[in-house]
Structure formats: structure tokens, C-alpha cells
Protein backbone atom coordinates (compact mmCIF):
# COMPACT_ATOMS: atom_id res chain seq x y z
CA MET A 1 0.01 -0.02 0.01
CA THR A 2 1.43 3.42 -0.82
CA SER A 3 1.35 6.43 1.46
CA THR A 4 -0.78 9.35 0.54
CA ALA A 5 0.83 11.50 3.26
CA ARG A 6 1.16 15.12 2.03
CA ARG A 7 4.43 17.02 2.55
CA VAL A 8 4.20 19.99 4.86
CA LEU A 9 4.50 23.29 2.92
CA PRO A 10 5.79 26.68 4.04
CA THR A 11 2.35 28.07 3.84
CA ASP A 12 0.82 25.42 6.17
CA PRO A 13 -0.11 26.38 9.70
CA VAL A 14 2.71 26.16 12.37
CA ARG A 15 0.61 23.71 14.25
CA SER A 16 1.50 21.09 11.71
CA ILE A 17 5.19 21.07 12.82
CA MET A 18 5.03 22.30 16.54
CA VAL A 19 5.94 20.06 19.33
CA ASP A 20 2.78 19.49 21.28
CA GLY A 21 2.95 19.83 25.05
CA PRO A 22 6.51 21.17 25.26
CA ALA A 23 8.79 20.30 28.21
CA THR A 24 8.39 22.59 31.20
CA VAL A 25 10.38 23.39 34.35
CA ASP A 26 9.63 25.37 37.45
CA PRO A 27 11.22 28.80 38.06
CA GLY A 28 12.93 27.35 41.09
CA ASP A 29 14.53 24.49 39.25
CA SER A 30 18.35 24.54 39.13
CA LEU A 31 20.03 25.03 35.76
CA LEU A 32 21.56 21.61 36.39
CA ALA A 33 18.01 20.06 36.43
CA VAL A 34 17.15 22.18 33.24
CA ALA A 35 20.25 20.85 31.46
CA GLU A 36 19.38 17.25 32.47
CA GLU A 37 15.90 17.85 31.10
CA LEU A 38 17.23 19.22 27.82
CA VAL A 39 19.57 16.22 27.41
CA ALA A 40 16.95 13.59 28.43
CA GLY A 41 14.39 14.96 25.98
CA GLU A 42 16.89 15.64 23.23
CA ILE A 43 15.47 19.18 23.05
CA GLY A 44 16.83 22.67 22.75
CA ALA A 45 14.50 24.62 24.98
CA VAL A 46 11.97 24.36 27.79
CA LEU A 47 9.17 26.56 28.91
CA VAL A 48 9.39 27.97 32.45
CA ARG A 49 5.93 27.50 34.01
CA ALA A 50 4.13 29.33 36.75
CA PRO A 51 0.45 29.28 37.77
CA GLY A 52 -1.58 30.42 34.83
CA GLY A 53 0.90 29.55 32.09
CA PRO A 54 4.50 29.83 31.10
CA THR A 55 6.38 32.80 32.22
CA GLY A 56 9.57 32.35 30.22
CA LEU A 57 11.72 30.17 27.92
CA LEU A 58 15.04 28.67 28.74
CA SER A 59 17.33 27.32 25.99
CA GLU A 60 20.54 25.31 25.86
CA ARG A 61 22.30 28.48 24.95
CA ASP A 62 21.10 30.21 28.07
CA VAL A 63 22.44 27.25 30.15
CA VAL A 64 25.80 27.49 28.39
CA ALA A 65 25.95 31.31 28.67
CA ALA A 66 25.28 30.96 32.44
CA LEU A 67 28.05 28.47 32.83
CA VAL A 68 30.50 30.43 30.86
CA ALA A 69 29.75 33.62 32.96
CA GLY A 70 30.84 31.63 36.01
CA GLY A 71 27.43 30.52 37.28
CA ASP A 72 26.99 27.43 39.38
CA LEU A 73 24.53 25.23 37.57
CA GLY A 74 23.41 23.65 40.82
CA ASP A 75 22.64 27.05 42.51
CA GLU A 76 21.23 29.20 39.76
CA GLN A 77 17.61 28.89 39.07
CA ALA A 78 15.64 28.72 35.90
CA GLY A 79 13.68 31.84 36.78
CA GLU A 80 16.93 33.85 37.19
CA VAL A 81 18.17 33.00 33.64
CA MET A 82 15.03 32.53 31.51
CA THR A 83 13.95 34.86 28.74
CA ALA A 84 10.76 36.35 30.15
CA ASP A 85 9.83 38.62 27.11
CA LEU A 86 8.28 35.74 25.10
CA VAL A 87 7.91 36.13 21.38
CA SER A 88 5.22 33.65 20.19
CA VAL A 89 3.21 32.63 17.18
CA GLY A 90 -0.49 31.53 16.86
CA THR A 91 -1.41 27.95 15.82
CA GLY A 92 -2.89 29.13 12.49
CA GLU A 93 0.01 31.32 11.43
CA THR A 94 2.00 29.85 8.55
CA ILE A 95 5.42 28.31 8.99
CA VAL A 96 6.89 31.09 6.83
CA ALA A 97 5.39 33.67 9.40
CA ALA A 98 6.98 31.73 12.29
CA GLY A 99 10.40 31.83 10.54
CA ARG A 100 10.10 35.57 9.86
CA ARG A 101 9.12 36.18 13.43
CA MET A 102 12.08 34.18 14.66
CA ALA A 103 14.45 36.14 12.31
CA GLU A 104 13.11 39.53 13.26
CA ALA A 105 13.21 38.80 17.01
CA GLY A 106 16.62 37.00 16.88
CA VAL A 107 15.18 33.87 18.64
CA ARG A 108 15.54 30.17 17.90
CA HIS A 109 12.26 28.93 19.60
CA LEU A 110 8.78 30.12 19.62
CA PRO A 111 6.02 29.21 21.88
CA VAL A 112 2.89 28.37 19.93
CA ARG A 113 -0.30 29.81 21.32
CA ASP A 114 -4.01 28.98 20.94
CA GLY A 115 -5.64 31.98 22.31
CA ASP A 116 -3.87 32.66 25.69
CA ALA A 117 -2.66 29.09 26.16
CA VAL A 118 0.66 27.86 25.03
CA VAL A 119 0.10 24.53 23.24
CA GLY A 120 3.44 23.95 21.58
CA LEU A 121 6.90 24.99 20.74
CA VAL A 122 8.55 25.33 17.34
CA SER A 123 12.19 25.57 16.70
CA GLN A 124 14.29 27.27 14.08
CA ARG A 125 15.34 23.77 12.92
CA ASP A 126 11.56 22.77 12.49
CA VAL A 127 11.08 25.71 10.17
CA LEU A 128 14.24 25.25 8.26
CA ALA A 129 13.48 21.71 7.58
CA VAL A 130 10.07 22.60 5.91
CA LEU A 131 11.71 25.60 3.84
CA LEU A 132 14.48 23.44 2.60
CA ALA A 133 12.08 20.57 1.59
CA ALA A 134 10.08 23.09 -0.39
CA ALA A 135 13.12 24.62 -2.13
CA PRO A 136 13.89 23.79 -5.61
CA ASP A 137 17.02 21.56 -6.16
């Protein structure tokens, strides 16, 4: 039997490539715990959660930057290092729009929102894979 799965296009909604239910950590979690979560999940970023929804995003780059700055990964907390000014994208916005938003904001990960709720996360790598697959050879 042949597959009729359709290739994802740059004009498709970002929900088609987002990671559902992204990994989360608490603001009081140590950066060591965050690093362990990133490695265990083979992911590049986690959302920092608080009552009512995420308050920030923490990436592997943030952890490395804290380490290089002389921080103690066992003592520093996620809430101290996270990016609190979240740039996000709606579930229905196109993959191209998500890529543009990332480029304009200089970020590598975008929370994906459905109304006020964060329902997913999309990475620069996710967007790039779709754009390259759609590019002519």
C-alpha cells in the first residue's frame, strides 16, 4: 500500500510542525536540572511555568551562557536565567510567518499559542526543514 501523506508546505499552519505539550520546568529548578531535562528529551528549549501559564523560555544556549559567565548550575535557578519577554506565534499562522518572526526577534524557539494558552513549541530547525524541503533543487 502506498502512502498518501502530504508534504508539509511553508504556507501550512505552524501547528503542523510544532511540538505538542513542550517540556516545562519550574522557576525554582536549578540550571543543572534544566540541563538534564534538555539532554533527556533531546530538545533545545523548555518553557518555564508558573500558575496560569508559562512565564519564560530557557534554551540550551542560556544554560551554556550562564556556565561561561561563571554561574553554578546547581545553584542558579531557571527563573533567574530565563527569557521572560516571550515572542510567540499563533497555531494558525504559517510556517513562513513563524520563521520571519524568529528572524526579526533574533530567537531560535517560539511558543505556539492557541488564544492565551501555550500549546506547543516550534524551533528554528523545524521551520528550516520545511523551507529546505520546499526549495527547488
